[in-house]
Amino acid sequence: MPRSLVTGGAGFLGSHLCDSLIASGHSVICLDNLFTGNRQNISHLDGKRGFTFVHHDVVHPFDFDVDYIWNMACPAAPGHYRY
């Protein structure tokens, strides 16, 4: 079973990617700091075989043994950014 890490996995795009990967037989580690993501976007995956949620910010080191990394960790409308 391929292992995928989805950063930003609780966001709109990331949560749909998690759905697709689980349906395709991947084991998924969903990593999100929930700054713009929402836990409810992935709540239906809780308890599913091969799905793990990790509350973590990608700006801090992390170490997972995975085959694929899908980086969805970027706010689509970063209103909190200053120019």
PDB file of N, CA and C in Angstrom:
ATOM      1  N   MET A   1       0.852  -1.174   0.000  1.00  0.00           N
ATOM      2  CA  MET A   1       0.000   0.000   0.000  1.00  0.00           C
ATOM      3  C   MET A   1       0.897   1.236   0.000  1.00  0.00           C
ATOM      4  N   PRO A   2       0.797   2.097  -1.021  1.00  0.00           N
ATOM      5  CA  PRO A   2       1.600   3.328  -1.048  1.00  0.00           C
ATOM      6  C   PRO A   2       1.225   4.253   0.113  1.00  0.00           C
ATOM      7  N   ARG A   3       2.226   4.922   0.674  1.00  0.00           N
ATOM      8  CA  ARG A   3       1.991   5.862   1.779  1.00  0.00           C
ATOM      9  C   ARG A   3       2.181   7.284   1.268  1.00  0.00           C
ATOM     10  N   SER A   4       1.152   8.104   1.457  1.00  0.00           N
ATOM     11  CA  SER A   4       1.189   9.496   1.010  1.00  0.00           C
ATOM     12  C   SER A   4       1.055  10.438   2.192  1.00  0.00           C
ATOM     13  N   LEU A   5       1.823  11.523   2.143  1.00  0.00           N
ATOM     14  CA  LEU A   5       1.702  12.616   3.101  1.00  0.00           C
ATOM     15  C   LEU A   5       1.031  13.770   2.376  1.00  0.00           C
ATOM     16  N   VAL A   6      -0.088  14.258   2.930  1.00  0.00           N
ATOM     17  CA  VAL A   6      -0.786  15.404   2.349  1.00  0.00           C
ATOM     18  C   VAL A   6      -0.684  16.552   3.342  1.00  0.00           C
ATOM     19  N   THR A   7       0.168  17.548   3.026  1.00  0.00           N
ATOM     20  CA  THR A   7       0.251  18.731   3.872  1.00  0.00           C
ATOM     21  C   THR A   7      -0.893  19.653   3.480  1.00  0.00           C
ATOM     22  N   GLY A   8      -1.519  20.282   4.466  1.00  0.00           N
ATOM     23  CA  GLY A   8      -2.706  21.083   4.183  1.00  0.00           C
ATOM     24  C   GLY A   8      -3.900  20.198   3.869  1.00  0.00           C
ATOM     25  N   GLY A   9      -3.893  19.000   4.410  1.00  0.00           N
ATOM     26  CA  GLY A   9      -4.913  18.003   4.087  1.00  0.00           C
ATOM     27  C   GLY A   9      -6.305  18.286   4.607  1.00  0.00           C
ATOM     28  N   ALA A  10      -6.462  19.240   5.514  1.00  0.00           N
ATOM     29  CA  ALA A  10      -7.791  19.571   6.024  1.00  0.00           C
ATOM     30  C   ALA A  10      -8.400  20.770   5.306  1.00  0.00           C
ATOM     31  N   GLY A  11      -7.700  21.293   4.311  1.00  0.00           N
ATOM     32  CA  GLY A  11      -8.242  22.382   3.500  1.00  0.00           C
ATOM     33  C   GLY A  11      -9.161  21.842   2.415  1.00  0.00           C
ATOM     34  N   PHE A  12      -9.709  22.733   1.607  1.00  0.00           N
ATOM     35  CA  PHE A  12     -10.656  22.321   0.569  1.00  0.00           C
ATOM     36  C   PHE A  12     -10.011  21.349  -0.417  1.00  0.00           C
ATOM     37  N   LEU A  13      -8.908  21.758  -1.037  1.00  0.00           N
ATOM     38  CA  LEU A  13      -8.249  20.892  -2.019  1.00  0.00           C
ATOM     39  C   LEU A  13      -7.610  19.672  -1.357  1.00  0.00           C
ATOM     40  N   GLY A  14      -6.929  19.890  -0.252  1.00  0.00           N
ATOM     41  CA  GLY A  14      -6.250  18.793   0.430  1.00  0.00           C
ATOM     42  C   GLY A  14      -7.193  17.704   0.901  1.00  0.00           C
ATOM     43  N   SER A  15      -8.362  18.091   1.401  1.00  0.00           N
ATOM     44  CA  SER A  15      -9.323  17.089   1.885  1.00  0.00           C
ATOM     45  C   SER A  15      -9.860  16.241   0.737  1.00  0.00           C
ATOM     46  N   HIS A  16     -10.087  16.866  -0.418  1.00  0.00           N
ATOM     47  CA  HIS A  16     -10.539  16.095  -1.576  1.00  0.00           C
ATOM     48  C   HIS A  16      -9.432  15.169  -2.082  1.00  0.00           C
ATOM     49  N   LEU A  17      -8.190  15.624  -1.995  1.00  0.00           N
ATOM     50  CA  LEU A  17      -7.068  14.768  -2.371  1.00  0.00           C
ATOM     51  C   LEU A  17      -6.974  13.576  -1.419  1.00  0.00           C
ATOM     52  N   CYS A  18      -7.151  13.811  -0.125  1.00  0.00           N
ATOM     53  CA  CYS A  18      -7.152  12.710   0.848  1.00  0.00           C
ATOM     54  C   CYS A  18      -8.225  11.685   0.494  1.00  0.00           C
ATOM     55  N   ASP A  19      -9.427  12.160   0.161  1.00  0.00           N
ATOM     56  CA  ASP A  19     -10.517  11.260  -0.252  1.00  0.00           C
ATOM     57  C   ASP A  19     -10.096  10.396  -1.428  1.00  0.00           C
ATOM     58  N   SER A  20      -9.543  11.029  -2.439  1.00  0.00           N
ATOM     59  CA  SER A  20      -9.149  10.335  -3.660  1.00  0.00           C
ATOM     60  C   SER A  20      -8.040   9.314  -3.397  1.00  0.00           C
ATOM     61  N   LEU A  21      -7.064   9.695  -2.600  1.00  0.00           N
ATOM     62  CA  LEU A  21      -5.959   8.784  -2.304  1.00  0.00           C
ATOM     63  C   LEU A  21      -6.426   7.571  -1.503  1.00  0.00           C
ATOM     64  N   ILE A  22      -7.269   7.792  -0.500  1.00  0.00           N
ATOM     65  CA  ILE A  22      -7.817   6.681   0.290  1.00  0.00           C
ATOM     66  C   ILE A  22      -8.615   5.749  -0.617  1.00  0.00           C
ATOM     67  N   ALA A  23      -9.432   6.322  -1.503  1.00  0.00           N
ATOM     68  CA  ALA A  23     -10.237   5.516  -2.432  1.00  0.00           C
ATOM     69  C   ALA A  23      -9.360   4.727  -3.400  1.00  0.00           C
ATOM     70  N   SER A  24      -8.157   5.236  -3.670  1.00  0.00           N
ATOM     71  CA  SER A  24      -7.225   4.566  -4.588  1.00  0.00           C
ATOM     72  C   SER A  24      -6.327   3.551  -3.886  1.00  0.00           C
ATOM     73  N   GLY A  25      -6.528   3.376  -2.581  1.00  0.00           N
ATOM     74  CA  GLY A  25      -5.766   2.374  -1.854  1.00  0.00           C
ATOM     75  C   GLY A  25      -4.508   2.865  -1.170  1.00  0.00           C
ATOM     76  N   HIS A  26      -4.335   4.174  -1.101  1.00  0.00           N
ATOM     77  CA  HIS A  26      -3.174   4.730  -0.403  1.00  0.00           C
ATOM     78  C   HIS A  26      -3.429   4.774   1.099  1.00  0.00           C
ATOM     79  N   SER A  27      -2.359   4.683   1.853  1.00  0.00           N
ATOM     80  CA  SER A  27      -2.364   5.025   3.258  1.00  0.00           C
ATOM     81  C   SER A  27      -2.015   6.512   3.303  1.00  0.00           C
ATOM     82  N   VAL A  28      -2.796   7.313   4.035  1.00  0.00           N
ATOM     83  CA  VAL A  28      -2.642   8.769   4.000  1.00  0.00           C
ATOM     84  C   VAL A  28      -2.350   9.329   5.388  1.00  0.00           C
ATOM     85  N   ILE A  29      -1.294  10.136   5.466  1.00  0.00           N
ATOM     86  CA  ILE A  29      -1.038  10.959   6.640  1.00  0.00           C
ATOM     87  C   ILE A  29      -1.441  12.372   6.249  1.00  0.00           C
ATOM     88  N   CYS A  30      -2.457  12.882   6.902  1.00  0.00           N
ATOM     89  CA  CYS A  30      -2.974  14.226   6.643  1.00  0.00           C
ATOM     90  C   CYS A  30      -2.384  15.154   7.702  1.00  0.00           C
ATOM     91  N   LEU A  31      -1.562  16.093   7.265  1.00  0.00           N
ATOM     92  CA  LEU A  31      -0.876  17.003   8.173  1.00  0.00           C
ATOM     93  C   LEU A  31      -1.423  18.410   7.957  1.00  0.00           C
ATOM     94  N   ASP A  32      -1.922  19.045   9.002  1.00  0.00           N
ATOM     95  CA  ASP A  32      -2.494  20.385   8.858  1.00  0.00           C
ATOM     96  C   ASP A  32      -2.408  21.119  10.189  1.00  0.00           C
ATOM     97  N   ASN A  33      -2.154  22.437  10.125  1.00  0.00           N
ATOM     98  CA  ASN A  33      -2.135  23.245  11.344  1.00  0.00           C
ATOM     99  C   ASN A  33      -3.502  23.858  11.638  1.00  0.00           C
ATOM    100  N   LEU A  34      -4.462  23.644  10.743  1.00  0.00           N
ATOM    101  CA  LEU A  34      -5.846  24.115  10.873  1.00  0.00           C
ATOM    102  C   LEU A  34      -5.953  25.636  10.911  1.00  0.00           C
ATOM    103  N   PHE A  35      -4.969  26.320  10.333  1.00  0.00           N
ATOM    104  CA  PHE A  35      -5.032  27.782  10.260  1.00  0.00           C
ATOM    105  C   PHE A  35      -6.142  28.211   9.303  1.00  0.00           C
ATOM    106  N   THR A  36      -6.167  27.628   8.118  1.00  0.00           N
ATOM    107  CA  THR A  36      -7.271  27.880   7.182  1.00  0.00           C
ATOM    108  C   THR A  36      -8.043  26.601   6.887  1.00  0.00           C
ATOM    109  N   GLY A  37      -7.473  25.447   7.223  1.00  0.00           N
ATOM    110  CA  GLY A  37      -8.177  24.179   7.034  1.00  0.00           C
ATOM    111  C   GLY A  37      -9.206  23.975   8.131  1.00  0.00           C
ATOM    112  N   ASN A  38     -10.057  22.982   7.936  1.00  0.00           N
ATOM    113  CA  ASN A  38     -11.127  22.716   8.891  1.00  0.00           C
ATOM    114  C   ASN A  38     -11.184  21.220   9.161  1.00  0.00           C
ATOM    115  N   ARG A  39     -11.151  20.847  10.406  1.00  0.00           N
ATOM    116  CA  ARG A  39     -11.183  19.433  10.800  1.00  0.00           C
ATOM    117  C   ARG A  39     -12.428  18.731  10.256  1.00  0.00           C
ATOM    118  N   GLN A  40     -13.519  19.465  10.100  1.00  0.00           N
ATOM    119  CA  GLN A  40     -14.760  18.872   9.584  1.00  0.00           C
ATOM    120  C   GLN A  40     -14.610  18.399   8.139  1.00  0.00           C
ATOM    121  N   ASN A  41     -13.684  18.993   7.388  1.00  0.00           N
ATOM    122  CA  ASN A  41     -13.471  18.578   5.996  1.00  0.00           C
ATOM    123  C   ASN A  41     -12.980  17.138   5.885  1.00  0.00           C
ATOM    124  N   ILE A  42     -12.376  16.633   6.944  1.00  0.00           N
ATOM    125  CA  ILE A  42     -11.822  15.274   6.899  1.00  0.00           C
ATOM    126  C   ILE A  42     -12.412  14.371   7.974  1.00  0.00           C
ATOM    127  N   SER A  43     -13.406  14.841   8.712  1.00  0.00           N
ATOM    128  CA  SER A  43     -13.960  14.057   9.825  1.00  0.00           C
ATOM    129  C   SER A  43     -14.542  12.724   9.356  1.00  0.00           C
ATOM    130  N   HIS A  44     -15.034  12.679   8.128  1.00  0.00           N
ATOM    131  CA  HIS A  44     -15.598  11.423   7.605  1.00  0.00           C
ATOM    132  C   HIS A  44     -14.519  10.361   7.367  1.00  0.00           C
ATOM    133  N   LEU A  45     -13.252  10.762   7.369  1.00  0.00           N
ATOM    134  CA  LEU A  45     -12.150   9.819   7.178  1.00  0.00           C
ATOM    135  C   LEU A  45     -11.629   9.251   8.499  1.00  0.00           C
ATOM    136  N   ASP A  46     -12.010   9.870   9.619  1.00  0.00           N
ATOM    137  CA  ASP A  46     -11.588   9.368  10.931  1.00  0.00           C
ATOM    138  C   ASP A  46     -12.028   7.917  11.091  1.00  0.00           C
ATOM    139  N   GLY A  47     -11.103   7.085  11.515  1.00  0.00           N
ATOM    140  CA  GLY A  47     -11.420   5.679  11.725  1.00  0.00           C
ATOM    141  C   GLY A  47     -11.283   4.814  10.481  1.00  0.00           C
ATOM    142  N   LYS A  48     -11.095   5.445   9.322  1.00  0.00           N
ATOM    143  CA  LYS A  48     -10.890   4.663   8.096  1.00  0.00           C
ATOM    144  C   LYS A  48      -9.499   4.053   8.116  1.00  0.00           C
ATOM    145  N   ARG A  49      -9.416   2.835   7.648  1.00  0.00           N
ATOM    146  CA  ARG A  49      -8.130   2.144   7.572  1.00  0.00           C
ATOM    147  C   ARG A  49      -7.179   2.923   6.665  1.00  0.00           C
ATOM    148  N   GLY A  50      -5.985   3.186   7.168  1.00  0.00           N
ATOM    149  CA  GLY A  50      -4.976   3.861   6.370  1.00  0.00           C
ATOM    150  C   GLY A  50      -4.994   5.374   6.459  1.00  0.00           C
ATOM    151  N   PHE A  51      -5.890   5.955   7.265  1.00  0.00           N
ATOM    152  CA  PHE A  51      -5.943   7.416   7.386  1.00  0.00           C
ATOM    153  C   PHE A  51      -5.475   7.847   8.769  1.00  0.00           C
ATOM    154  N   THR A  52      -4.562   8.823   8.797  1.00  0.00           N
ATOM    155  CA  THR A  52      -4.067   9.390  10.051  1.00  0.00           C
ATOM    156  C   THR A  52      -4.035  10.909   9.922  1.00  0.00           C
ATOM    157  N   PHE A  53      -4.609  11.603  10.909  1.00  0.00           N
ATOM    158  CA  PHE A  53      -4.536  13.062  10.948  1.00  0.00           C
ATOM    159  C   PHE A  53      -3.477  13.470  11.965  1.00  0.00           C
ATOM    160  N   VAL A  54      -2.616  14.432  11.578  1.00  0.00           N
ATOM    161  CA  VAL A  54      -1.593  14.972  12.475  1.00  0.00           C
ATOM    162  C   VAL A  54      -1.734  16.493  12.483  1.00  0.00           C
ATOM    163  N   HIS A  55      -2.022  17.053  13.662  1.00  0.00           N
ATOM    164  CA  HIS A  55      -2.119  18.509  13.811  1.00  0.00           C
ATOM    165  C   HIS A  55      -0.701  19.046  13.965  1.00  0.00           C
ATOM    166  N   HIS A  56      -0.203  19.688  12.900  1.00  0.00           N
ATOM    167  CA  HIS A  56       1.198  20.117  12.879  1.00  0.00           C
ATOM    168  C   HIS A  56       1.371  21.213  11.834  1.00  0.00           C
ATOM    169  N   ASP A  57       2.295  22.115  12.071  1.00  0.00           N
ATOM    170  CA  ASP A  57       2.602  23.190  11.129  1.00  0.00           C
ATOM    171  C   ASP A  57       3.846  22.813  10.328  1.00  0.00           C
ATOM    172  N   VAL A  58       3.775  22.923   9.010  1.00  0.00           N
ATOM    173  CA  VAL A  58       4.890  22.508   8.152  1.00  0.00           C
ATOM    174  C   VAL A  58       6.137  23.382   8.308  1.00  0.00           C
ATOM    175  N   VAL A  59       6.042  24.498   8.996  1.00  0.00           N
ATOM    176  CA  VAL A  59       7.240  25.317   9.217  1.00  0.00           C
ATOM    177  C   VAL A  59       8.154  24.698  10.276  1.00  0.00           C
ATOM    178  N   HIS A  60       7.649  23.695  10.989  1.00  0.00           N
ATOM    179  CA  HIS A  60       8.439  22.975  11.985  1.00  0.00           C
ATOM    180  C   HIS A  60       8.821  21.608  11.422  1.00  0.00           C
ATOM    181  N   PRO A  61       9.996  21.104  11.777  1.00  0.00           N
ATOM    182  CA  PRO A  61      10.443  19.810  11.240  1.00  0.00           C
ATOM    183  C   PRO A  61       9.471  18.677  11.569  1.00  0.00           C
ATOM    184  N   PHE A  62       9.410  17.732  10.662  1.00  0.00           N
ATOM    185  CA  PHE A  62       8.646  16.506  10.887  1.00  0.00           C
ATOM    186  C   PHE A  62       9.307  15.400  10.088  1.00  0.00           C
ATOM    187  N   ASP A  63       9.075  14.173  10.500  1.00  0.00           N
ATOM    188  CA  ASP A  63       9.729  13.036   9.857  1.00  0.00           C
ATOM    189  C   ASP A  63       8.732  11.897   9.712  1.00  0.00           C
ATOM    190  N   PHE A  64       8.384  11.591   8.470  1.00  0.00           N
ATOM    191  CA  PHE A  64       7.486  10.484   8.176  1.00  0.00           C
ATOM    192  C   PHE A  64       8.092   9.652   7.057  1.00  0.00           C
ATOM    193  N   ASP A  65       7.908   8.354   7.125  1.00  0.00           N
ATOM    194  CA  ASP A  65       8.357   7.457   6.071  1.00  0.00           C
ATOM    195  C   ASP A  65       7.219   7.312   5.064  1.00  0.00           C
ATOM    196  N   VAL A  66       7.323   8.022   3.931  1.00  0.00           N
ATOM    197  CA  VAL A  66       6.259   8.014   2.925  1.00  0.00           C
ATOM    198  C   VAL A  66       6.848   7.819   1.531  1.00  0.00           C
ATOM    199  N   ASP A  67       5.967   7.434   0.616  1.00  0.00           N
ATOM    200  CA  ASP A  67       6.351   7.278  -0.790  1.00  0.00           C
ATOM    201  C   ASP A  67       6.101   8.549  -1.593  1.00  0.00           C
ATOM    202  N   TYR A  68       5.059   9.285  -1.203  1.00  0.00           N
ATOM    203  CA  TYR A  68       4.665  10.493  -1.940  1.00  0.00           C
ATOM    204  C   TYR A  68       4.385  11.629  -0.968  1.00  0.00           C
ATOM    205  N   ILE A  69       4.705  12.853  -1.403  1.00  0.00           N
ATOM    206  CA  ILE A  69       4.366  14.057  -0.636  1.00  0.00           C
ATOM    207  C   ILE A  69       3.548  14.963  -1.542  1.00  0.00           C
ATOM    208  N   TRP A  70       2.374  15.331  -1.064  1.00  0.00           N
ATOM    209  CA  TRP A  70       1.469  16.239  -1.787  1.00  0.00           C
ATOM    210  C   TRP A  70       1.365  17.509  -0.946  1.00  0.00           C
ATOM    211  N   ASN A  71       1.909  18.618  -1.443  1.00  0.00           N
ATOM    212  CA  ASN A  71       1.925  19.859  -0.673  1.00  0.00           C
ATOM    213  C   ASN A  71       0.740  20.746  -1.043  1.00  0.00           C
ATOM    214  N   MET A  72      -0.262  20.753  -0.185  1.00  0.00           N
ATOM    215  CA  MET A  72      -1.439  21.605  -0.347  1.00  0.00           C
ATOM    216  C   MET A  72      -1.465  22.684   0.737  1.00  0.00           C
ATOM    217  N   ALA A  73      -0.364  22.855   1.448  1.00  0.00           N
ATOM    218  CA  ALA A  73      -0.302  23.743   2.610  1.00  0.00           C
ATOM    219  C   ALA A  73      -0.002  25.180   2.201  1.00  0.00           C
ATOM    220  N   CYS A  74      -1.011  25.864   1.705  1.00  0.00           N
ATOM    221  CA  CYS A  74      -0.872  27.271   1.337  1.00  0.00           C
ATOM    222  C   CYS A  74      -2.254  27.901   1.313  1.00  0.00           C
ATOM    223  N   PRO A  75      -2.484  28.935   2.114  1.00  0.00           N
ATOM    224  CA  PRO A  75      -3.787  29.600   2.062  1.00  0.00           C
ATOM    225  C   PRO A  75      -4.067  30.146   0.662  1.00  0.00           C
ATOM    226  N   ALA A  76      -5.270  29.891   0.158  1.00  0.00           N
ATOM    227  CA  ALA A  76      -5.643  30.350  -1.183  1.00  0.00           C
ATOM    228  C   ALA A  76      -5.856  31.860  -1.221  1.00  0.00           C
ATOM    229  N   ALA A  77      -6.331  32.420  -0.135  1.00  0.00           N
ATOM    230  CA  ALA A  77      -6.560  33.862  -0.057  1.00  0.00           C
ATOM    231  C   ALA A  77      -5.899  34.370   1.222  1.00  0.00           C
ATOM    232  N   PRO A  78      -4.599  34.550   1.179  1.00  0.00           N
ATOM    233  CA  PRO A  78      -3.878  34.893   2.406  1.00  0.00           C
ATOM    234  C   PRO A  78      -4.086  36.345   2.839  1.00  0.00           C
ATOM    235  N   GLY A  79      -5.246  36.653   3.350  1.00  0.00           N
ATOM    236  CA  GLY A  79      -5.549  37.996   3.813  1.00  0.00           C
ATOM    237  C   GLY A  79      -4.701  38.431   4.987  1.00  0.00           C
ATOM    238  N   HIS A  80      -4.111  37.471   5.681  1.00  0.00           N
ATOM    239  CA  HIS A  80      -3.277  37.796   6.838  1.00  0.00           C
ATOM    240  C   HIS A  80      -1.863  38.206   6.435  1.00  0.00           C
ATOM    241  N   TYR A  81      -1.504  38.039   5.157  1.00  0.00           N
ATOM    242  CA  TYR A  81      -0.178  38.456   4.688  1.00  0.00           C
ATOM    243  C   TYR A  81      -0.133  39.976   4.540  1.00  0.00           C
ATOM    244  N   ARG A  82       1.016  40.542   4.812  1.00  0.00           N
ATOM    245  CA  ARG A  82       1.192  41.988   4.646  1.00  0.00           C
ATOM    246  C   ARG A  82       2.246  42.219   3.578  1.00  0.00           C
ATOM    247  N   TYR A  83       2.026  43.194   2.749  1.00  0.00           N
ATOM    248  CA  TYR A  83       2.956  43.499   1.655  1.00  0.00           C
ATOM    249  C   TYR A  83       3.989  44.496   2.103  1.00  0.00           C
TER     250      TYR A  83
END
